[in-house]
Amino acid sequence: KHNGGFQIILATAGEGWYQEEGKPPVKFRAGDMALADGVTYWHGAA
């Protein structure tokens, strides 16, 4: 998680996953964007 801040993730190529704690995973593809602001999460490649 990002304390006192945030992370904006903009997928530029390929496919992967993004998941916030306690929520279902989301497929993450080129052109997708995620904003993690004070949440626990992970992301990575398929």
ModelCIF file with pLDDT and N, C-alpha, C, O atoms, coordinates in Angstrom:
data_MODEL
#
_entry.id   MODEL 
#
_entity.id                         1 
_entity.type                       polymer 
_entity.pdbx_number_of_molecules   1 
#
_entity_poly.entity_id                      1 
_entity_poly.type                           'polypeptide(L)' 
_entity_poly.nstd_linkage                   no 
_entity_poly.nstd_monomer                   no 
_entity_poly.pdbx_seq_one_letter_code       KHNGGFQIILATAGEGWYQEEGKPPVKFRAGDMALADGVTYWHGAA 
_entity_poly.pdbx_seq_one_letter_code_can   KHNGGFQIILATAGEGWYQEEGKPPVKFRAGDMALADGVTYWHGAA 
_entity_poly.pdbx_strand_id                 A 
#
loop_
_entity_poly_seq.entity_id 
_entity_poly_seq.num 
_entity_poly_seq.mon_id 
_entity_poly_seq.hetero 
1 1  LYS n 
1 2  HIS n 
1 3  ASN n 
1 4  GLY n 
1 5  GLY n 
1 6  PHE n 
1 7  GLN n 
1 8  ILE n 
1 9  ILE n 
1 10 LEU n 
1 11 ALA n 
1 12 THR n 
1 13 ALA n 
1 14 GLY n 
1 15 GLU n 
1 16 GLY n 
1 17 TRP n 
1 18 TYR n 
1 19 GLN n 
1 20 GLU n 
1 21 GLU n 
1 22 GLY n 
1 23 LYS n 
1 24 PRO n 
1 25 PRO n 
1 26 VAL n 
1 27 LYS n 
1 28 PHE n 
1 29 ARG n 
1 30 ALA n 
1 31 GLY n 
1 32 ASP n 
1 33 MET n 
1 34 ALA n 
1 35 LEU n 
1 36 ALA n 
1 37 ASP n 
1 38 GLY n 
1 39 VAL n 
1 40 THR n 
1 41 TYR n 
1 42 TRP n 
1 43 HIS n 
1 44 GLY n 
1 45 ALA n 
1 46 ALA n 
#
_struct_asym.id          A 
_struct_asym.entity_id   1 
#
loop_
_ma_qa_metric.id 
_ma_qa_metric.mode 
_ma_qa_metric.name 
_ma_qa_metric.software_group_id 
_ma_qa_metric.type 
1 global pLDDT . pLDDT 
2 local  pLDDT . pLDDT 
#
_ma_qa_metric_global.metric_id      1 
_ma_qa_metric_global.metric_value   94.04 
_ma_qa_metric_global.model_id       1 
_ma_qa_metric_global.ordinal_id     1 
#
loop_
_ma_qa_metric_local.label_asym_id 
_ma_qa_metric_local.label_comp_id 
_ma_qa_metric_local.label_seq_id 
_ma_qa_metric_local.metric_id 
_ma_qa_metric_local.metric_value 
_ma_qa_metric_local.model_id 
_ma_qa_metric_local.ordinal_id 
A LYS 1  2 94.00 1 1  
A HIS 2  2 92.00 1 2  
A ASN 3  2 92.00 1 3  
A GLY 4  2 92.00 1 4  
A GLY 5  2 90.00 1 5  
A PHE 6  2 92.00 1 6  
A GLN 7  2 93.00 1 7  
A ILE 8  2 95.00 1 8  
A ILE 9  2 95.00 1 9  
A LEU 10 2 97.00 1 10 
A ALA 11 2 97.00 1 11 
A THR 12 2 97.00 1 12 
A ALA 13 2 98.00 1 13 
A GLY 14 2 97.00 1 14 
A GLU 15 2 96.00 1 15 
A GLY 16 2 96.00 1 16 
A TRP 17 2 96.00 1 17 
A TYR 18 2 95.00 1 18 
A GLN 19 2 95.00 1 19 
A GLU 20 2 95.00 1 20 
A GLU 21 2 95.00 1 21 
A GLY 22 2 94.00 1 22 
A LYS 23 2 94.00 1 23 
A PRO 24 2 93.00 1 24 
A PRO 25 2 94.00 1 25 
A VAL 26 2 94.00 1 26 
A LYS 27 2 95.00 1 27 
A PHE 28 2 93.00 1 28 
A ARG 29 2 96.00 1 29 
A ALA 30 2 95.00 1 30 
A GLY 31 2 95.00 1 31 
A ASP 32 2 96.00 1 32 
A MET 33 2 94.00 1 33 
A ALA 34 2 93.00 1 34 
A LEU 35 2 90.00 1 35 
A ALA 36 2 85.00 1 36 
A ASP 37 2 86.00 1 37 
A GLY 38 2 86.00 1 38 
A VAL 39 2 94.00 1 39 
A THR 40 2 96.00 1 40 
A TYR 41 2 96.00 1 41 
A TRP 42 2 96.00 1 42 
A HIS 43 2 96.00 1 43 
A GLY 44 2 95.00 1 44 
A ALA 45 2 96.00 1 45 
A ALA 46 2 95.00 1 46 
#
loop_
_atom_site.group_PDB 
_atom_site.id 
_atom_site.type_symbol 
_atom_site.label_atom_id 
_atom_site.label_alt_id 
_atom_site.label_comp_id 
_atom_site.label_asym_id 
_atom_site.label_entity_id 
_atom_site.label_seq_id 
_atom_site.pdbx_PDB_ins_code 
_atom_site.Cartn_x 
_atom_site.Cartn_y 
_atom_site.Cartn_z 
_atom_site.occupancy 
_atom_site.B_iso_or_equiv 
_atom_site.pdbx_formal_charge 
_atom_site.auth_seq_id 
_atom_site.auth_comp_id 
_atom_site.auth_asym_id 
_atom_site.auth_atom_id 
_atom_site.pdbx_PDB_model_num 
ATOM 1   N N  . LYS A 1 1  ? 0.850   -1.184  0.000   1.00 94.00 ? 1  LYS A N  1 
ATOM 2   C CA . LYS A 1 1  ? 0.000   0.000   0.000   1.00 94.00 ? 1  LYS A CA 1 
ATOM 3   C C  . LYS A 1 1  ? 0.887   1.235   0.000   1.00 94.00 ? 1  LYS A C  1 
ATOM 4   O O  . LYS A 1 1  ? 2.073   1.169   0.324   1.00 94.00 ? 1  LYS A O  1 
ATOM 5   N N  . HIS A 1 2  ? 0.297   2.346   -0.365  1.00 92.00 ? 2  HIS A N  1 
ATOM 6   C CA . HIS A 1 2  ? 1.008   3.617   -0.427  1.00 92.00 ? 2  HIS A CA 1 
ATOM 7   C C  . HIS A 1 2  ? 0.487   4.496   0.705   1.00 92.00 ? 2  HIS A C  1 
ATOM 8   O O  . HIS A 1 2  ? -0.660  4.943   0.683   1.00 92.00 ? 2  HIS A O  1 
ATOM 9   N N  . ASN A 1 3  ? 1.338   4.736   1.686   1.00 92.00 ? 3  ASN A N  1 
ATOM 10  C CA . ASN A 1 3  ? 0.970   5.548   2.845   1.00 92.00 ? 3  ASN A CA 1 
ATOM 11  C C  . ASN A 1 3  ? 1.254   7.021   2.563   1.00 92.00 ? 3  ASN A C  1 
ATOM 12  O O  . ASN A 1 3  ? 2.341   7.380   2.109   1.00 92.00 ? 3  ASN A O  1 
ATOM 13  N N  . GLY A 1 4  ? 0.271   7.860   2.835   1.00 92.00 ? 4  GLY A N  1 
ATOM 14  C CA . GLY A 1 4  ? 0.443   9.287   2.595   1.00 92.00 ? 4  GLY A CA 1 
ATOM 15  C C  . GLY A 1 4  ? 0.546   9.621   1.125   1.00 92.00 ? 4  GLY A C  1 
ATOM 16  O O  . GLY A 1 4  ? 1.142   10.632  0.753   1.00 92.00 ? 4  GLY A O  1 
ATOM 17  N N  . GLY A 1 5  ? -0.033  8.778   0.286   1.00 90.00 ? 5  GLY A N  1 
ATOM 18  C CA . GLY A 1 5  ? 0.050   9.016   -1.149  1.00 90.00 ? 5  GLY A CA 1 
ATOM 19  C C  . GLY A 1 5  ? -0.851  8.081   -1.924  1.00 90.00 ? 5  GLY A C  1 
ATOM 20  O O  . GLY A 1 5  ? -1.923  7.702   -1.452  1.00 90.00 ? 5  GLY A O  1 
ATOM 21  N N  . PHE A 1 6  ? -0.414  7.711   -3.117  1.00 92.00 ? 6  PHE A N  1 
ATOM 22  C CA . PHE A 1 6  ? -1.229  6.910   -4.021  1.00 92.00 ? 6  PHE A CA 1 
ATOM 23  C C  . PHE A 1 6  ? -0.337  6.286   -5.078  1.00 92.00 ? 6  PHE A C  1 
ATOM 24  O O  . PHE A 1 6  ? 0.859   6.568   -5.147  1.00 92.00 ? 6  PHE A O  1 
ATOM 25  N N  . GLN A 1 7  ? -0.941  5.422   -5.910  1.00 93.00 ? 7  GLN A N  1 
ATOM 26  C CA . GLN A 1 7  ? -0.295  4.961   -7.133  1.00 93.00 ? 7  GLN A CA 1 
ATOM 27  C C  . GLN A 1 7  ? -1.347  4.926   -8.225  1.00 93.00 ? 7  GLN A C  1 
ATOM 28  O O  . GLN A 1 7  ? -2.437  4.386   -8.038  1.00 93.00 ? 7  GLN A O  1 
ATOM 29  N N  . ILE A 1 8  ? -1.014  5.498   -9.352  1.00 95.00 ? 8  ILE A N  1 
ATOM 30  C CA . ILE A 1 8  ? -1.816  5.374   -10.558 1.00 95.00 ? 8  ILE A CA 1 
ATOM 31  C C  . ILE A 1 8  ? -1.058  4.416   -11.465 1.00 95.00 ? 8  ILE A C  1 
ATOM 32  O O  . ILE A 1 8  ? 0.129   4.605   -11.729 1.00 95.00 ? 8  ILE A O  1 
ATOM 33  N N  . ILE A 1 9  ? -1.747  3.393   -11.936 1.00 95.00 ? 9  ILE A N  1 
ATOM 34  C CA . ILE A 1 9  ? -1.125  2.393   -12.810 1.00 95.00 ? 9  ILE A CA 1 
ATOM 35  C C  . ILE A 1 9  ? -1.840  2.451   -14.157 1.00 95.00 ? 9  ILE A C  1 
ATOM 36  O O  . ILE A 1 9  ? -3.059  2.291   -14.225 1.00 95.00 ? 9  ILE A O  1 
ATOM 37  N N  . LEU A 1 10 ? -1.086  2.678   -15.217 1.00 97.00 ? 10 LEU A N  1 
ATOM 38  C CA . LEU A 1 10 ? -1.626  2.704   -16.570 1.00 97.00 ? 10 LEU A CA 1 
ATOM 39  C C  . LEU A 1 10 ? -0.972  1.581   -17.365 1.00 97.00 ? 10 LEU A C  1 
ATOM 40  O O  . LEU A 1 10 ? 0.212   1.653   -17.694 1.00 97.00 ? 10 LEU A O  1 
ATOM 41  N N  . ALA A 1 11 ? -1.749  0.541   -17.672 1.00 97.00 ? 11 ALA A N  1 
ATOM 42  C CA . ALA A 1 11 ? -1.214  -0.587  -18.435 1.00 97.00 ? 11 ALA A CA 1 
ATOM 43  C C  . ALA A 1 11 ? -0.929  -0.141  -19.862 1.00 97.00 ? 11 ALA A C  1 
ATOM 44  O O  . ALA A 1 11 ? -1.773  0.474   -20.514 1.00 97.00 ? 11 ALA A O  1 
ATOM 45  N N  . THR A 1 12 ? 0.268   -0.457  -20.339 1.00 97.00 ? 12 THR A N  1 
ATOM 46  C CA . THR A 1 12 ? 0.671   -0.037  -21.679 1.00 97.00 ? 12 THR A CA 1 
ATOM 47  C C  . THR A 1 12 ? 0.829   -1.193  -22.652 1.00 97.00 ? 12 THR A C  1 
ATOM 48  O O  . THR A 1 12 ? 0.804   -0.980  -23.865 1.00 97.00 ? 12 THR A O  1 
ATOM 49  N N  . ALA A 1 13 ? 0.992   -2.421  -22.147 1.00 98.00 ? 13 ALA A N  1 
ATOM 50  C CA . ALA A 1 13 ? 1.132   -3.587  -23.025 1.00 98.00 ? 13 ALA A CA 1 
ATOM 51  C C  . ALA A 1 13 ? 0.864   -4.858  -22.234 1.00 98.00 ? 13 ALA A C  1 
ATOM 52  O O  . ALA A 1 13 ? 1.136   -4.927  -21.035 1.00 98.00 ? 13 ALA A O  1 
ATOM 53  N N  . GLY A 1 14 ? 0.328   -5.861  -22.919 1.00 97.00 ? 14 GLY A N  1 
ATOM 54  C CA . GLY A 1 14 ? 0.134   -7.165  -22.308 1.00 97.00 ? 14 GLY A CA 1 
ATOM 55  C C  . GLY A 1 14 ? -1.122  -7.256  -21.460 1.00 97.00 ? 14 GLY A C  1 
ATOM 56  O O  . GLY A 1 14 ? -2.030  -6.430  -21.555 1.00 97.00 ? 14 GLY A O  1 
ATOM 57  N N  . GLU A 1 15 ? -1.142  -8.310  -20.610 1.00 96.00 ? 15 GLU A N  1 
ATOM 58  C CA . GLU A 1 15 ? -2.277  -8.559  -19.727 1.00 96.00 ? 15 GLU A CA 1 
ATOM 59  C C  . GLU A 1 15 ? -1.793  -8.990  -18.362 1.00 96.00 ? 15 GLU A C  1 
ATOM 60  O O  . GLU A 1 15 ? -0.729  -9.592  -18.218 1.00 96.00 ? 15 GLU A O  1 
ATOM 61  N N  . GLY A 1 16 ? -2.590  -8.671  -17.373 1.00 96.00 ? 16 GLY A N  1 
ATOM 62  C CA . GLY A 1 16 ? -2.248  -9.082  -16.018 1.00 96.00 ? 16 GLY A CA 1 
ATOM 63  C C  . GLY A 1 16 ? -3.447  -8.974  -15.106 1.00 96.00 ? 16 GLY A C  1 
ATOM 64  O O  . GLY A 1 16 ? -4.596  -9.031  -15.546 1.00 96.00 ? 16 GLY A O  1 
ATOM 65  N N  . TRP A 1 17 ? -3.157  -8.816  -13.819 1.00 96.00 ? 17 TRP A N  1 
ATOM 66  C CA . TRP A 1 17 ? -4.183  -8.772  -12.785 1.00 96.00 ? 17 TRP A CA 1 
ATOM 67  C C  . TRP A 1 17 ? -3.906  -7.642  -11.810 1.00 96.00 ? 17 TRP A C  1 
ATOM 68  O O  . TRP A 1 17 ? -2.760  -7.265  -11.564 1.00 96.00 ? 17 TRP A O  1 
ATOM 69  N N  . TYR A 1 18 ? -5.001  -7.109  -11.258 1.00 95.00 ? 18 TYR A N  1 
ATOM 70  C CA . TYR A 1 18 ? -4.952  -6.106  -10.206 1.00 95.00 ? 18 TYR A CA 1 
ATOM 71  C C  . TYR A 1 18 ? -5.975  -6.553  -9.173  1.00 95.00 ? 18 TYR A C  1 
ATOM 72  O O  . TYR A 1 18 ? -7.109  -6.883  -9.522  1.00 95.00 ? 18 TYR A O  1 
ATOM 73  N N  . GLN A 1 19 ? -5.576  -6.567  -7.885  1.00 95.00 ? 19 GLN A N  1 
ATOM 74  C CA . GLN A 1 19 ? -6.525  -6.982  -6.861  1.00 95.00 ? 19 GLN A CA 1 
ATOM 75  C C  . GLN A 1 19 ? -6.331  -6.187  -5.588  1.00 95.00 ? 19 GLN A C  1 
ATOM 76  O O  . GLN A 1 19 ? -5.233  -6.124  -5.036  1.00 95.00 ? 19 GLN A O  1 
ATOM 77  N N  . GLU A 1 20 ? -7.419  -5.580  -5.129  1.00 95.00 ? 20 GLU A N  1 
ATOM 78  C CA . GLU A 1 20 ? -7.432  -4.917  -3.834  1.00 95.00 ? 20 GLU A CA 1 
ATOM 79  C C  . GLU A 1 20 ? -7.855  -5.933  -2.784  1.00 95.00 ? 20 GLU A C  1 
ATOM 80  O O  . GLU A 1 20 ? -8.671  -6.813  -3.057  1.00 95.00 ? 20 GLU A O  1 
ATOM 81  N N  . GLU A 1 21 ? -7.308  -5.812  -1.599  1.00 95.00 ? 21 GLU A N  1 
ATOM 82  C CA . GLU A 1 21 ? -7.632  -6.715  -0.504  1.00 95.00 ? 21 GLU A CA 1 
ATOM 83  C C  . GLU A 1 21 ? -9.146  -6.729  -0.260  1.00 95.00 ? 21 GLU A C  1 
ATOM 84  O O  . GLU A 1 21 ? -9.786  -5.683  -0.152  1.00 95.00 ? 21 GLU A O  1 
ATOM 85  N N  . GLY A 1 22 ? -9.700  -7.955  -0.176  1.00 94.00 ? 22 GLY A N  1 
ATOM 86  C CA . GLY A 1 22 ? -11.120 -8.115  0.090   1.00 94.00 ? 22 GLY A CA 1 
ATOM 87  C C  . GLY A 1 22 ? -12.021 -7.972  -1.120  1.00 94.00 ? 22 GLY A C  1 
ATOM 88  O O  . GLY A 1 22 ? -13.242 -8.067  -0.996  1.00 94.00 ? 22 GLY A O  1 
ATOM 89  N N  . LYS A 1 23 ? -11.437 -7.743  -2.295  1.00 94.00 ? 23 LYS A N  1 
ATOM 90  C CA . LYS A 1 23 ? -12.225 -7.594  -3.519  1.00 94.00 ? 23 LYS A CA 1 
ATOM 91  C C  . LYS A 1 23 ? -11.783 -8.634  -4.540  1.00 94.00 ? 23 LYS A C  1 
ATOM 92  O O  . LYS A 1 23 ? -10.669 -9.151  -4.458  1.00 94.00 ? 23 LYS A O  1 
ATOM 93  N N  . PRO A 1 24 ? -12.649 -8.942  -5.501  1.00 93.00 ? 24 PRO A N  1 
ATOM 94  C CA . PRO A 1 24 ? -12.248 -9.902  -6.536  1.00 93.00 ? 24 PRO A CA 1 
ATOM 95  C C  . PRO A 1 24 ? -11.169 -9.314  -7.445  1.00 93.00 ? 24 PRO A C  1 
ATOM 96  O O  . PRO A 1 24 ? -11.092 -8.097  -7.610  1.00 93.00 ? 24 PRO A O  1 
ATOM 97  N N  . PRO A 1 25 ? -10.342 -10.167 -8.031  1.00 94.00 ? 25 PRO A N  1 
ATOM 98  C CA . PRO A 1 25 ? -9.309  -9.681  -8.962  1.00 94.00 ? 25 PRO A CA 1 
ATOM 99  C C  . PRO A 1 25 ? -9.938  -9.116  -10.229 1.00 94.00 ? 25 PRO A C  1 
ATOM 100 O O  . PRO A 1 25 ? -11.039 -9.498  -10.627 1.00 94.00 ? 25 PRO A O  1 
ATOM 101 N N  . VAL A 1 26 ? -9.211  -8.199  -10.846 1.00 94.00 ? 26 VAL A N  1 
ATOM 102 C CA . VAL A 1 26 ? -9.655  -7.554  -12.077 1.00 94.00 ? 26 VAL A CA 1 
ATOM 103 C C  . VAL A 1 26 ? -8.601  -7.807  -13.148 1.00 94.00 ? 26 VAL A C  1 
ATOM 104 O O  . VAL A 1 26 ? -7.414  -7.571  -12.924 1.00 94.00 ? 26 VAL A O  1 
ATOM 105 N N  . LYS A 1 27 ? -9.033  -8.285  -14.310 1.00 95.00 ? 27 LYS A N  1 
ATOM 106 C CA . LYS A 1 27 ? -8.118  -8.446  -15.444 1.00 95.00 ? 27 LYS A CA 1 
ATOM 107 C C  . LYS A 1 27 ? -7.625  -7.063  -15.848 1.00 95.00 ? 27 LYS A C  1 
ATOM 108 O O  . LYS A 1 27 ? -8.407  -6.114  -15.901 1.00 95.00 ? 27 LYS A O  1 
ATOM 109 N N  . PHE A 1 28 ? -6.345  -6.949  -16.128 1.00 93.00 ? 28 PHE A N  1 
ATOM 110 C CA . PHE A 1 28 ? -5.698  -5.666  -16.385 1.00 93.00 ? 28 PHE A CA 1 
ATOM 111 C C  . PHE A 1 28 ? -5.037  -5.742  -17.751 1.00 93.00 ? 28 PHE A C  1 
ATOM 112 O O  . PHE A 1 28 ? -4.112  -6.530  -17.944 1.00 93.00 ? 28 PHE A O  1 
ATOM 113 N N  . ARG A 1 29 ? -5.504  -4.924  -18.716 1.00 96.00 ? 29 ARG A N  1 
ATOM 114 C CA . ARG A 1 29 ? -5.009  -4.976  -20.091 1.00 96.00 ? 29 ARG A CA 1 
ATOM 115 C C  . ARG A 1 29 ? -4.502  -3.599  -20.527 1.00 96.00 ? 29 ARG A C  1 
ATOM 116 O O  . ARG A 1 29 ? -4.801  -2.582  -19.901 1.00 96.00 ? 29 ARG A O  1 
ATOM 117 N N  . ALA A 1 30 ? -3.730  -3.593  -21.612 1.00 95.00 ? 30 ALA A N  1 
ATOM 118 C CA . ALA A 1 30 ? -3.227  -2.332  -22.168 1.00 95.00 ? 30 ALA A CA 1 
ATOM 119 C C  . ALA A 1 30 ? -4.373  -1.340  -22.319 1.00 95.00 ? 30 ALA A C  1 
ATOM 120 O O  . ALA A 1 30 ? -5.413  -1.666  -22.893 1.00 95.00 ? 30 ALA A O  1 
ATOM 121 N N  . GLY A 1 31 ? -4.180  -0.125  -21.799 1.00 95.00 ? 31 GLY A N  1 
ATOM 122 C CA . GLY A 1 31 ? -5.183  0.917   -21.832 1.00 95.00 ? 31 GLY A CA 1 
ATOM 123 C C  . GLY A 1 31 ? -5.969  1.039   -20.540 1.00 95.00 ? 31 GLY A C  1 
ATOM 124 O O  . GLY A 1 31 ? -6.626  2.055   -20.316 1.00 95.00 ? 31 GLY A O  1 
ATOM 125 N N  . ASP A 1 32 ? -5.917  0.015   -19.675 1.00 96.00 ? 32 ASP A N  1 
ATOM 126 C CA . ASP A 1 32 ? -6.626  0.073   -18.394 1.00 96.00 ? 32 ASP A CA 1 
ATOM 127 C C  . ASP A 1 32 ? -5.845  0.909   -17.391 1.00 96.00 ? 32 ASP A C  1 
ATOM 128 O O  . ASP A 1 32 ? -4.622  1.028   -17.472 1.00 96.00 ? 32 ASP A O  1 
ATOM 129 N N  . MET A 1 33 ? -6.581  1.488   -16.441 1.00 94.00 ? 33 MET A N  1 
ATOM 130 C CA . MET A 1 33 ? -5.965  2.307   -15.412 1.00 94.00 ? 33 MET A CA 1 
ATOM 131 C C  . MET A 1 33 ? -6.524  1.895   -14.062 1.00 94.00 ? 33 MET A C  1 
ATOM 132 O O  . MET A 1 33 ? -7.706  1.572   -13.947 1.00 94.00 ? 33 MET A O  1 
ATOM 133 N N  . ALA A 1 34 ? -5.681  1.906   -13.045 1.00 93.00 ? 34 ALA A N  1 
ATOM 134 C CA . ALA A 1 34 ? -6.108  1.645   -11.673 1.00 93.00 ? 34 ALA A CA 1 
ATOM 135 C C  . ALA A 1 34 ? -5.534  2.741   -10.787 1.00 93.00 ? 34 ALA A C  1 
ATOM 136 O O  . ALA A 1 34 ? -4.436  3.244   -11.025 1.00 93.00 ? 34 ALA A O  1 
ATOM 137 N N  . LEU A 1 35 ? -6.292  3.096   -9.770  1.00 90.00 ? 35 LEU A N  1 
ATOM 138 C CA . LEU A 1 35 ? -5.846  4.075   -8.791  1.00 90.00 ? 35 LEU A CA 1 
ATOM 139 C C  . LEU A 1 35 ? -5.899  3.413   -7.425  1.00 90.00 ? 35 LEU A C  1 
ATOM 140 O O  . LEU A 1 35 ? -6.969  3.018   -6.962  1.00 90.00 ? 35 LEU A O  1 
ATOM 141 N N  . ALA A 1 36 ? -4.755  3.293   -6.786  1.00 85.00 ? 36 ALA A N  1 
ATOM 142 C CA . ALA A 1 36 ? -4.668  2.730   -5.448  1.00 85.00 ? 36 ALA A CA 1 
ATOM 143 C C  . ALA A 1 36 ? -4.376  3.863   -4.480  1.00 85.00 ? 36 ALA A C  1 
ATOM 144 O O  . ALA A 1 36 ? -3.278  4.420   -4.469  1.00 85.00 ? 36 ALA A O  1 
ATOM 145 N N  . ASP A 1 37 ? -5.359  4.195   -3.674  1.00 86.00 ? 37 ASP A N  1 
ATOM 146 C CA . ASP A 1 37 ? -5.239  5.310   -2.759  1.00 86.00 ? 37 ASP A CA 1 
ATOM 147 C C  . ASP A 1 37 ? -5.595  4.830   -1.355  1.00 86.00 ? 37 ASP A C  1 
ATOM 148 O O  . ASP A 1 37 ? -6.767  4.802   -0.978  1.00 86.00 ? 37 ASP A O  1 
ATOM 149 N N  . GLY A 1 38 ? -4.577  4.456   -0.587  1.00 86.00 ? 38 GLY A N  1 
ATOM 150 C CA . GLY A 1 38 ? -4.793  4.023   0.784   1.00 86.00 ? 38 GLY A CA 1 
ATOM 151 C C  . GLY A 1 38 ? -5.326  2.611   0.923   1.00 86.00 ? 38 GLY A C  1 
ATOM 152 O O  . GLY A 1 38 ? -5.833  2.253   1.986   1.00 86.00 ? 38 GLY A O  1 
ATOM 153 N N  . VAL A 1 39 ? -5.227  1.799   -0.119  1.00 94.00 ? 39 VAL A N  1 
ATOM 154 C CA . VAL A 1 39 ? -5.697  0.417   -0.057  1.00 94.00 ? 39 VAL A CA 1 
ATOM 155 C C  . VAL A 1 39 ? -4.522  -0.542  -0.165  1.00 94.00 ? 39 VAL A C  1 
ATOM 156 O O  . VAL A 1 39 ? -3.465  -0.191  -0.691  1.00 94.00 ? 39 VAL A O  1 
ATOM 157 N N  . THR A 1 40 ? -4.716  -1.752  0.338   1.00 96.00 ? 40 THR A N  1 
ATOM 158 C CA . THR A 1 40 ? -3.731  -2.822  0.187   1.00 96.00 ? 40 THR A CA 1 
ATOM 159 C C  . THR A 1 40 ? -4.083  -3.589  -1.085  1.00 96.00 ? 40 THR A C  1 
ATOM 160 O O  . THR A 1 40 ? -5.238  -3.963  -1.287  1.00 96.00 ? 40 THR A O  1 
ATOM 161 N N  . TYR A 1 41 ? -3.094  -3.822  -1.937  1.00 96.00 ? 41 TYR A N  1 
ATOM 162 C CA . TYR A 1 41 ? -3.352  -4.448  -3.229  1.00 96.00 ? 41 TYR A CA 1 
ATOM 163 C C  . TYR A 1 41 ? -2.073  -5.076  -3.786  1.00 96.00 ? 41 TYR A C  1 
ATOM 164 O O  . TYR A 1 41 ? -0.986  -4.909  -3.234  1.00 96.00 ? 41 TYR A O  1 
ATOM 165 N N  . TRP A 1 42 ? -2.233  -5.795  -4.881  1.00 96.00 ? 42 TRP A N  1 
ATOM 166 C CA . TRP A 1 42 ? -1.097  -6.318  -5.641  1.00 96.00 ? 42 TRP A CA 1 
ATOM 167 C C  . TRP A 1 42 ? -1.469  -6.240  -7.121  1.00 96.00 ? 42 TRP A C  1 
ATOM 168 O O  . TRP A 1 42 ? -2.637  -6.075  -7.472  1.00 96.00 ? 42 TRP A O  1 
ATOM 169 N N  . HIS A 1 43 ? -0.459  -6.362  -7.982  1.00 96.00 ? 43 HIS A N  1 
ATOM 170 C CA . HIS A 1 43 ? -0.686  -6.428  -9.423  1.00 96.00 ? 43 HIS A CA 1 
ATOM 171 C C  . HIS A 1 43 ? 0.469   -7.177  -10.052 1.00 96.00 ? 43 HIS A C  1 
ATOM 172 O O  . HIS A 1 43 ? 1.558   -7.256  -9.483  1.00 96.00 ? 43 HIS A O  1 
ATOM 173 N N  . GLY A 1 44 ? 0.224   -7.726  -11.232 1.00 95.00 ? 44 GLY A N  1 
ATOM 174 C CA . GLY A 1 44 ? 1.272   -8.469  -11.920 1.00 95.00 ? 44 GLY A CA 1 
ATOM 175 C C  . GLY A 1 44 ? 0.776   -9.027  -13.236 1.00 95.00 ? 44 GLY A C  1 
ATOM 176 O O  . GLY A 1 44 ? -0.369  -8.807  -13.629 1.00 95.00 ? 44 GLY A O  1 
ATOM 177 N N  . ALA A 1 45 ? 1.651   -9.752  -13.913 1.00 96.00 ? 45 ALA A N  1 
ATOM 178 C CA . ALA A 1 45 ? 1.362   -10.298 -15.236 1.00 96.00 ? 45 ALA A CA 1 
ATOM 179 C C  . ALA A 1 45 ? 0.493   -11.543 -15.152 1.00 96.00 ? 45 ALA A C  1 
ATOM 180 O O  . ALA A 1 45 ? 0.474   -12.239 -14.136 1.00 96.00 ? 45 ALA A O  1 
ATOM 181 N N  . ALA A 1 46 ? -0.226  -11.811 -16.238 1.00 95.00 ? 46 ALA A N  1 
ATOM 182 C CA . ALA A 1 46 ? -0.942  -13.073 -16.386 1.00 95.00 ? 46 ALA A CA 1 
ATOM 183 C C  . ALA A 1 46 ? 0.087   -14.197 -16.568 1.00 95.00 ? 46 ALA A C  1 
ATOM 184 O O  . ALA A 1 46 ? -0.289  -15.361 -16.713 1.00 95.00 ? 46 ALA A O  1 
#
